[in-house]
């Protein structure tokens, strides 16, 4: 299990909170290139359902997979790990 995962949940950073009850969460990770062996930075962007609009840009959040809420949202906000300090 990697640092960003605990029991099927993932930890990422909120990139966009422009929509109502929806967040764009980015999960950064590094993977080894199959041919050259160099570690390459990659990211996964997930659309997350935030029922109470609790999270904002820059917050570190934990998300869990759920049934599809819309066409692109099949993740829900579990908890806010760390608020962004201003």
N, C-alpha and C. Protein backbone atom coordinates (compact mmCIF):
# COMPACT_ATOMS: atom_id res chain seq x y z
N UNK A 1 0.84 -1.17 0.00
CA UNK A 1 0.00 0.00 0.00
C UNK A 1 0.89 1.24 0.00
N UNK A 2 0.60 2.21 -0.85
CA UNK A 2 1.44 3.40 -0.94
C UNK A 2 1.06 4.42 0.12
N UNK A 3 1.82 5.51 0.16
CA UNK A 3 1.57 6.56 1.15
C UNK A 3 0.22 7.24 0.93
N UNK A 4 -0.24 7.30 -0.31
CA UNK A 4 -1.47 8.02 -0.62
C UNK A 4 -2.72 7.17 -0.47
N UNK A 5 -2.61 5.93 -0.05
CA UNK A 5 -3.78 5.07 0.04
C UNK A 5 -3.88 4.43 1.41
N UNK A 6 -5.09 4.43 1.96
CA UNK A 6 -5.37 3.73 3.20
C UNK A 6 -6.72 3.05 3.06
N UNK A 7 -6.73 1.71 3.00
CA UNK A 7 -7.96 0.92 2.91
C UNK A 7 -8.86 1.34 1.75
N UNK A 8 -8.30 1.53 0.57
CA UNK A 8 -9.09 1.90 -0.59
C UNK A 8 -9.34 3.38 -0.74
N UNK A 9 -9.02 4.17 0.27
CA UNK A 9 -9.17 5.61 0.18
C UNK A 9 -7.91 6.21 -0.40
N UNK A 10 -8.05 7.39 -1.00
CA UNK A 10 -6.90 8.08 -1.57
C UNK A 10 -6.80 9.47 -0.96
N UNK A 11 -5.57 10.00 -0.94
CA UNK A 11 -5.34 11.34 -0.41
C UNK A 11 -4.79 12.20 -1.53
N UNK A 12 -5.39 13.39 -1.71
CA UNK A 12 -4.97 14.29 -2.77
C UNK A 12 -5.20 15.73 -2.38
N UNK A 13 -4.91 16.63 -3.31
CA UNK A 13 -5.03 18.07 -3.08
C UNK A 13 -6.16 18.62 -3.95
N UNK A 14 -7.00 19.48 -3.35
CA UNK A 14 -8.11 20.09 -4.09
C UNK A 14 -7.52 21.12 -5.05
N UNK A 15 -7.84 20.96 -6.33
CA UNK A 15 -7.33 21.87 -7.36
C UNK A 15 -8.37 22.91 -7.74
N UNK A 16 -9.65 22.53 -7.71
CA UNK A 16 -10.70 23.45 -8.11
C UNK A 16 -11.93 23.24 -7.24
N UNK A 17 -12.49 24.37 -6.76
CA UNK A 17 -13.74 24.30 -6.00
C UNK A 17 -14.78 25.25 -6.59
N UNK A 18 -14.73 25.43 -7.90
CA UNK A 18 -15.60 26.39 -8.57
C UNK A 18 -17.06 25.93 -8.63
N UNK A 19 -17.29 24.64 -8.71
CA UNK A 19 -18.66 24.13 -8.85
C UNK A 19 -19.29 23.83 -7.50
N UNK A 20 -20.60 23.84 -7.45
CA UNK A 20 -21.33 23.56 -6.22
C UNK A 20 -21.32 22.06 -5.94
N UNK A 21 -20.88 21.67 -4.74
CA UNK A 21 -20.83 20.28 -4.28
C UNK A 21 -19.90 19.40 -5.10
N UNK A 22 -18.99 19.99 -5.85
CA UNK A 22 -18.04 19.23 -6.66
C UNK A 22 -16.65 19.80 -6.49
N UNK A 23 -15.67 18.92 -6.47
CA UNK A 23 -14.28 19.33 -6.35
C UNK A 23 -13.46 18.55 -7.36
N UNK A 24 -12.36 19.16 -7.80
CA UNK A 24 -11.39 18.47 -8.64
C UNK A 24 -10.19 18.19 -7.75
N UNK A 25 -9.88 16.92 -7.52
CA UNK A 25 -8.79 16.52 -6.63
C UNK A 25 -7.68 15.89 -7.47
N UNK A 26 -6.44 16.33 -7.20
CA UNK A 26 -5.28 15.83 -7.94
C UNK A 26 -4.45 14.95 -7.02
N UNK A 27 -4.09 13.78 -7.51
CA UNK A 27 -3.22 12.85 -6.78
C UNK A 27 -1.92 12.73 -7.55
N UNK A 28 -0.82 13.22 -6.95
CA UNK A 28 0.50 13.16 -7.57
C UNK A 28 1.20 11.88 -7.15
N UNK A 29 1.91 11.26 -8.08
CA UNK A 29 2.69 10.07 -7.77
C UNK A 29 3.84 9.95 -8.76
N UNK A 30 4.81 9.11 -8.43
CA UNK A 30 5.95 8.86 -9.31
C UNK A 30 5.95 7.40 -9.70
N UNK A 31 6.31 7.14 -10.95
CA UNK A 31 6.38 5.79 -11.45
C UNK A 31 7.67 5.63 -12.26
N UNK A 32 8.18 4.45 -12.29
CA UNK A 32 9.42 4.18 -12.99
C UNK A 32 9.15 3.95 -14.48
N UNK A 33 9.92 4.61 -15.34
CA UNK A 33 9.77 4.44 -16.77
C UNK A 33 10.20 3.02 -17.14
N UNK A 34 9.40 2.30 -17.94
CA UNK A 34 9.70 0.90 -18.21
C UNK A 34 11.02 0.67 -18.96
N UNK A 35 11.41 1.58 -19.84
CA UNK A 35 12.62 1.37 -20.63
C UNK A 35 13.85 2.02 -20.01
N UNK A 36 13.72 3.27 -19.57
CA UNK A 36 14.89 4.03 -19.14
C UNK A 36 15.15 3.98 -17.63
N UNK A 37 14.17 3.54 -16.85
CA UNK A 37 14.36 3.39 -15.42
C UNK A 37 14.28 4.69 -14.63
N UNK A 38 14.09 5.80 -15.31
CA UNK A 38 13.98 7.09 -14.62
C UNK A 38 12.59 7.22 -13.99
N UNK A 39 12.51 7.84 -12.82
CA UNK A 39 11.22 8.07 -12.18
C UNK A 39 10.56 9.30 -12.79
N UNK A 40 9.30 9.13 -13.20
CA UNK A 40 8.56 10.17 -13.87
C UNK A 40 7.39 10.60 -12.99
N UNK A 41 7.19 11.91 -12.84
CA UNK A 41 6.07 12.42 -12.06
C UNK A 41 4.80 12.36 -12.90
N UNK A 42 3.75 11.84 -12.31
CA UNK A 42 2.46 11.76 -12.97
C UNK A 42 1.39 12.24 -12.01
N UNK A 43 0.17 12.42 -12.53
CA UNK A 43 -0.93 12.84 -11.67
C UNK A 43 -2.24 12.26 -12.18
N UNK A 44 -3.15 12.08 -11.26
CA UNK A 44 -4.48 11.62 -11.58
C UNK A 44 -5.46 12.69 -11.11
N UNK A 45 -6.39 13.09 -11.96
CA UNK A 45 -7.39 14.09 -11.61
C UNK A 45 -8.73 13.38 -11.44
N UNK A 46 -9.33 13.52 -10.27
CA UNK A 46 -10.61 12.88 -9.97
C UNK A 46 -11.65 13.94 -9.62
N UNK A 47 -12.87 13.72 -10.06
CA UNK A 47 -13.98 14.59 -9.69
C UNK A 47 -14.64 14.00 -8.46
N UNK A 48 -14.80 14.82 -7.42
CA UNK A 48 -15.22 14.34 -6.11
C UNK A 48 -16.50 15.07 -5.69
N UNK A 49 -17.41 14.33 -5.06
CA UNK A 49 -18.64 14.91 -4.52
C UNK A 49 -18.39 15.40 -3.10
N UNK A 50 -18.63 16.69 -2.85
CA UNK A 50 -18.47 17.31 -1.54
C UNK A 50 -19.83 17.87 -1.13
N UNK A 51 -20.59 17.09 -0.39
CA UNK A 51 -21.99 17.40 -0.08
C UNK A 51 -22.17 18.75 0.61
N UNK A 52 -21.28 19.11 1.53
CA UNK A 52 -21.47 20.33 2.34
C UNK A 52 -20.52 21.46 1.95
N UNK A 53 -19.86 21.36 0.80
CA UNK A 53 -18.92 22.39 0.32
C UNK A 53 -17.89 22.76 1.39
N UNK A 54 -17.31 21.75 2.04
CA UNK A 54 -16.38 21.98 3.15
C UNK A 54 -14.97 22.30 2.68
N UNK A 55 -14.52 21.70 1.58
CA UNK A 55 -13.13 21.84 1.15
C UNK A 55 -12.99 23.01 0.18
N UNK A 56 -11.75 23.52 0.11
CA UNK A 56 -11.44 24.63 -0.78
C UNK A 56 -10.09 24.38 -1.44
N UNK A 57 -9.70 25.25 -2.37
CA UNK A 57 -8.43 25.09 -3.10
C UNK A 57 -7.27 24.93 -2.14
N UNK A 58 -6.40 23.97 -2.43
CA UNK A 58 -5.20 23.77 -1.65
C UNK A 58 -5.35 22.85 -0.46
N UNK A 59 -6.56 22.49 -0.08
CA UNK A 59 -6.77 21.58 1.06
C UNK A 59 -6.33 20.17 0.68
N UNK A 60 -5.77 19.45 1.65
CA UNK A 60 -5.44 18.05 1.46
C UNK A 60 -6.61 17.24 1.99
N UNK A 61 -7.18 16.38 1.14
CA UNK A 61 -8.40 15.67 1.49
C UNK A 61 -8.24 14.17 1.27
N UNK A 62 -9.08 13.41 1.97
CA UNK A 62 -9.16 11.97 1.78
C UNK A 62 -10.47 11.68 1.07
N UNK A 63 -10.40 10.86 0.02
CA UNK A 63 -11.59 10.55 -0.76
C UNK A 63 -11.77 9.05 -0.85
N UNK A 64 -13.02 8.63 -1.06
CA UNK A 64 -13.34 7.21 -1.17
C UNK A 64 -14.21 7.01 -2.40
N UNK A 65 -14.07 5.85 -3.01
CA UNK A 65 -14.88 5.53 -4.18
C UNK A 65 -16.30 5.21 -3.75
N UNK A 66 -17.27 5.62 -4.57
CA UNK A 66 -18.68 5.37 -4.27
C UNK A 66 -19.42 5.09 -5.57
N UNK A 67 -20.71 4.92 -5.48
CA UNK A 67 -21.51 4.73 -6.68
C UNK A 67 -21.47 6.01 -7.51
N UNK A 68 -21.66 5.95 -8.81
CA UNK A 68 -21.61 7.16 -9.63
C UNK A 68 -22.68 8.17 -9.22
N UNK A 69 -22.25 9.39 -8.93
CA UNK A 69 -23.16 10.47 -8.57
C UNK A 69 -23.58 11.21 -9.83
N UNK A 70 -22.68 11.30 -10.80
CA UNK A 70 -22.98 11.91 -12.09
C UNK A 70 -22.11 11.21 -13.14
N UNK A 71 -22.05 11.79 -14.32
CA UNK A 71 -21.28 11.17 -15.40
C UNK A 71 -19.80 11.04 -15.05
N UNK A 72 -19.23 12.03 -14.38
CA UNK A 72 -17.80 12.02 -14.08
C UNK A 72 -17.48 11.79 -12.61
N UNK A 73 -18.44 11.97 -11.71
CA UNK A 73 -18.16 11.86 -10.27
C UNK A 73 -18.51 10.48 -9.73
N UNK A 74 -17.50 9.74 -9.29
CA UNK A 74 -17.75 8.48 -8.60
C UNK A 74 -16.84 8.36 -7.38
N UNK A 75 -16.47 9.51 -6.82
CA UNK A 75 -15.69 9.59 -5.59
C UNK A 75 -16.38 10.57 -4.66
N UNK A 76 -16.27 10.34 -3.36
CA UNK A 76 -16.88 11.23 -2.38
C UNK A 76 -15.84 11.65 -1.35
N UNK A 77 -16.02 12.84 -0.80
CA UNK A 77 -15.10 13.37 0.21
C UNK A 77 -15.33 12.65 1.53
N UNK A 78 -14.27 12.06 2.09
CA UNK A 78 -14.36 11.38 3.37
C UNK A 78 -14.04 12.33 4.51
N UNK A 79 -12.89 13.00 4.40
CA UNK A 79 -12.50 13.96 5.45
C UNK A 79 -11.46 14.91 4.89
N UNK A 80 -11.30 16.03 5.59
CA UNK A 80 -10.26 16.99 5.25
C UNK A 80 -9.07 16.70 6.15
N UNK A 81 -7.96 16.30 5.57
CA UNK A 81 -6.77 15.95 6.33
C UNK A 81 -6.09 17.22 6.86
N UNK A 82 -5.94 18.21 5.97
CA UNK A 82 -5.26 19.44 6.36
C UNK A 82 -5.83 20.61 5.57
N UNK A 83 -6.20 21.67 6.29
CA UNK A 83 -6.68 22.89 5.65
C UNK A 83 -5.49 23.68 5.13
N UNK A 84 -5.69 24.38 4.04
CA UNK A 84 -4.63 25.23 3.51
C UNK A 84 -4.48 26.43 4.43
N UNK A 85 -3.26 26.74 4.82
CA UNK A 85 -3.04 27.91 5.67
C UNK A 85 -2.86 29.14 4.80
N UNK A 86 -3.46 30.21 5.20
CA UNK A 86 -3.39 31.44 4.41
C UNK A 86 -2.25 32.31 4.82
